[in-house]
Amino acid sequence: MANKSIKQDFLLALALVVAGAVIFSAWFGFGLPAPQQTTGGRAFLKVGETAPSIQAAGWVNGDPLQEHDLAGKVIVVDAWATWCGPCRQQAPHIVKTYQKFKDQNVAFIGLTSDGEELLPEIRQWLKETGITWPNGYGAIDSLIAFKAETIPQVWVIGTDGKVVWNVDSEPTESLEQGISRALSQAH
């Protein structure tokens, strides 16, 4: 009987350690904000900083974007993942914003760290959300360069290559207002 109790206690302790490791990995490994971070916001690539180049392992909804395709355009970069519930909740707003600005000098680009092995899920996610603009998958290097420690993240990049709006701008200025301001600065 004592052997059974010791074995049960050991298995319970092991389960708790594994559960703790899973929670720790989910918290820090999947870009959830760590409770001790005090950055003053969610966006680590701040307004006024130069945006990094955009690269991905591959593209869905269009050919890879070249720098000459983006020259002189306002660029909206949306960081998302197939497993991200808030990304799915934000998608209708991004699609509505795209519809409003698609015929202006604005390029929308989606980036996900999800890799090639998730292409079926990526394509399904894009179809379900109505996202039709180019989306780079396996974009880990770009997301690191954009300092996307949490998702969803959105940046508006002006024609000068500098961030003019990010998610921290939202309390005082909407995404649409940020795009409009970036367009007016381009003229």
Protein backbone atom coordinates (compact mmCIF):
# COMPACT_ATOMS: atom_id res chain seq x y z
CA MET A 1 0.00 0.00 0.00
CA ALA A 2 2.81 2.45 0.86
CA ASN A 3 4.50 1.69 -2.47
CA LYS A 4 1.29 2.58 -4.33
CA SER A 5 0.98 5.89 -2.46
CA ILE A 6 4.62 6.82 -3.16
CA LYS A 7 4.15 5.98 -6.84
CA GLN A 8 0.95 8.08 -6.99
CA ASP A 9 2.70 10.99 -5.26
CA PHE A 10 5.62 10.72 -7.68
CA LEU A 11 3.30 10.67 -10.71
CA LEU A 12 1.37 13.66 -9.37
CA ALA A 13 4.61 15.61 -8.78
CA LEU A 14 5.83 14.68 -12.27
CA ALA A 15 2.53 15.81 -13.80
CA LEU A 16 2.79 19.14 -11.99
CA VAL A 17 6.37 19.66 -13.22
CA VAL A 18 5.34 18.84 -16.80
CA ALA A 19 2.31 21.13 -16.56
CA GLY A 20 4.53 23.92 -15.23
CA ALA A 21 6.98 23.43 -18.08
CA VAL A 22 4.15 23.54 -20.63
CA ILE A 23 2.74 26.73 -19.13
CA PHE A 24 6.20 28.31 -19.00
CA SER A 25 6.84 27.35 -22.64
CA ALA A 26 3.47 28.66 -23.74
CA TRP A 27 3.96 31.90 -21.83
CA PHE A 28 7.46 32.69 -23.07
CA GLY A 29 7.81 30.55 -26.18
CA PHE A 30 4.68 31.66 -27.96
CA GLY A 31 5.03 35.40 -27.54
CA LEU A 32 2.59 35.98 -24.72
CA PRO A 33 3.52 39.02 -22.72
CA ALA A 34 5.59 38.19 -19.69
CA PRO A 35 4.14 39.66 -16.51
CA GLN A 36 7.38 41.37 -15.48
CA GLN A 37 7.77 43.29 -18.75
CA THR A 38 7.25 46.99 -18.27
CA THR A 39 7.81 48.47 -21.69
CA GLY A 40 5.02 51.01 -21.53
CA GLY A 41 3.14 49.24 -24.31
CA ARG A 42 2.75 46.20 -26.51
CA ALA A 43 4.81 47.38 -29.49
CA PHE A 44 8.54 47.07 -29.15
CA LEU A 45 9.30 48.62 -32.58
CA LYS A 46 8.32 52.16 -31.79
CA VAL A 47 6.91 55.00 -33.87
CA GLY A 48 9.78 56.85 -35.54
CA GLU A 49 12.04 53.79 -35.80
CA THR A 50 13.11 52.49 -39.20
CA ALA A 51 11.22 49.38 -40.22
CA PRO A 52 13.31 46.32 -41.06
CA SER A 53 13.20 44.57 -44.40
CA ILE A 54 10.41 42.08 -44.92
CA GLN A 55 11.38 38.50 -45.63
CA ALA A 56 9.67 35.13 -45.36
CA ALA A 57 10.37 31.50 -46.22
CA GLY A 58 7.45 31.60 -48.65
CA TRP A 59 4.33 33.48 -49.61
CA VAL A 60 0.60 32.84 -49.85
CA ASN A 61 -1.88 35.06 -51.75
CA GLY A 62 0.70 36.47 -54.12
CA ASP A 63 4.29 36.47 -55.20
CA PRO A 64 7.03 37.58 -52.85
CA LEU A 65 7.04 41.33 -52.56
CA GLN A 66 10.12 43.07 -53.85
CA GLU A 67 11.43 46.35 -52.51
CA HIS A 68 10.67 48.07 -55.83
CA ASP A 69 7.01 46.95 -55.44
CA LEU A 70 6.85 48.74 -52.11
CA ALA A 71 8.84 51.88 -52.97
CA GLY A 72 6.78 55.02 -52.39
CA LYS A 73 3.95 53.14 -50.70
CA VAL A 74 2.57 53.20 -47.21
CA ILE A 75 2.93 49.66 -45.88
CA VAL A 76 0.69 47.99 -43.33
CA VAL A 77 2.34 44.97 -41.72
CA ASP A 78 0.13 42.57 -39.77
CA ALA A 79 1.79 39.91 -37.56
CA TRP A 80 -0.46 36.94 -36.82
CA ALA A 81 -0.55 33.14 -36.31
CA THR A 82 -3.07 30.41 -37.04
CA TRP A 83 -3.32 29.51 -33.33
CA CYS A 84 -3.86 33.11 -32.18
CA GLY A 85 -7.45 33.81 -31.11
CA PRO A 86 -6.99 37.60 -30.86
CA CYS A 87 -5.51 37.55 -34.41
CA ARG A 88 -8.71 35.92 -35.68
CA GLN A 89 -10.79 38.49 -33.78
CA GLN A 90 -8.78 41.35 -35.32
CA ALA A 91 -8.95 39.99 -38.88
CA PRO A 92 -12.37 41.47 -39.83
CA HIS A 93 -11.13 44.94 -38.86
CA ILE A 94 -7.94 44.48 -40.91
CA VAL A 95 -9.98 43.25 -43.90
CA LYS A 96 -12.34 46.26 -43.60
CA THR A 97 -9.32 48.59 -43.44
CA TYR A 98 -7.78 46.88 -46.47
CA GLN A 99 -11.02 47.39 -48.43
CA LYS A 100 -10.97 51.08 -47.55
CA PHE A 101 -7.34 51.66 -48.63
CA LYS A 102 -6.62 48.98 -51.28
CA ASP A 103 -7.02 51.41 -54.19
CA GLN A 104 -4.75 53.99 -52.62
CA ASN A 105 -0.97 53.93 -52.38
CA VAL A 106 -1.06 51.36 -49.53
CA ALA A 107 0.34 47.82 -49.50
CA PHE A 108 -0.82 45.28 -46.91
CA ILE A 109 1.49 42.45 -45.89
CA GLY A 110 0.82 39.68 -43.42
CA LEU A 111 3.60 37.85 -41.58
CA THR A 112 3.42 34.66 -39.57
CA SER A 113 6.08 32.56 -37.92
CA ASP A 114 4.01 29.48 -38.77
CA GLY A 115 6.14 27.33 -41.04
CA GLU A 116 5.69 25.50 -44.31
CA GLU A 117 4.41 22.41 -42.49
CA LEU A 118 1.33 24.48 -41.56
CA LEU A 119 0.55 25.66 -45.11
CA PRO A 120 -2.85 23.91 -45.19
CA GLU A 121 -3.81 25.60 -41.91
CA ILE A 122 -2.39 28.94 -43.08
CA ARG A 123 -4.38 28.82 -46.33
CA GLN A 124 -7.54 27.81 -44.45
CA TRP A 125 -7.03 30.60 -41.88
CA LEU A 126 -6.58 33.20 -44.64
CA LYS A 127 -9.66 31.91 -46.48
CA GLU A 128 -11.82 31.91 -43.34
CA THR A 129 -10.74 35.43 -42.37
CA GLY A 130 -11.12 36.87 -45.89
CA ILE A 131 -7.49 38.00 -46.08
CA THR A 132 -6.43 38.23 -49.73
CA TRP A 133 -3.17 40.21 -49.67
CA PRO A 134 0.31 38.60 -49.64
CA ASN A 135 1.21 36.80 -46.44
CA GLY A 136 4.67 35.52 -45.64
CA TYR A 137 5.02 32.30 -43.68
CA GLY A 138 8.12 31.23 -41.80
CA ALA A 139 8.81 34.95 -41.31
CA ILE A 140 10.65 34.46 -38.05
CA ASP A 141 13.62 36.69 -38.93
CA SER A 142 11.35 39.57 -39.95
CA LEU A 143 9.16 39.20 -36.87
CA ILE A 144 12.24 39.25 -34.66
CA ALA A 145 13.49 42.35 -36.50
CA PHE A 146 10.05 43.95 -36.03
CA LYS A 147 10.35 43.08 -32.32
CA ALA A 148 7.02 41.26 -32.44
CA GLU A 149 7.16 39.79 -28.96
CA THR A 150 3.37 39.60 -28.83
CA ILE A 151 0.72 39.13 -31.49
CA PRO A 152 -1.37 40.39 -33.03
CA GLN A 153 0.78 43.34 -33.96
CA VAL A 154 0.25 45.91 -36.70
CA TRP A 155 2.60 48.60 -37.95
CA VAL A 156 2.06 51.35 -40.51
CA ILE A 157 5.27 52.25 -42.30
CA GLY A 158 5.52 55.58 -44.07
CA THR A 159 7.04 56.11 -47.49
CA ASP A 160 10.28 57.10 -45.74
CA GLY A 161 10.56 53.60 -44.23
CA LYS A 162 9.82 54.71 -40.67
CA VAL A 163 7.05 53.41 -38.43
CA VAL A 164 4.30 56.03 -38.23
CA TRP A 165 1.73 53.94 -36.32
CA ASN A 166 1.72 50.82 -34.15
CA VAL A 167 -0.71 49.12 -31.78
CA ASP A 168 0.35 51.45 -28.97
CA SER A 169 -1.01 54.37 -31.03
CA GLU A 170 -4.54 52.97 -30.78
CA PRO A 171 -5.79 54.76 -27.68
CA THR A 172 -5.50 58.12 -29.45
CA GLU A 173 -5.41 57.19 -33.14
CA SER A 174 -7.06 54.31 -35.03
CA LEU A 175 -5.31 52.20 -37.65
CA GLU A 176 -7.30 54.00 -40.35
CA GLN A 177 -6.23 57.38 -39.01
CA GLY A 178 -2.62 56.20 -38.91
CA ILE A 179 -2.78 55.11 -42.55
CA SER A 180 -4.45 58.38 -43.56
CA ARG A 181 -1.78 60.38 -41.73
CA ALA A 182 0.99 58.35 -43.41
CA LEU A 183 -0.62 58.98 -46.81
CA SER A 184 -0.87 62.72 -46.15
CA GLN A 185 2.80 62.82 -45.10
CA ALA A 186 3.75 61.18 -48.41
CA HIS A 187 2.54 64.15 -50.45
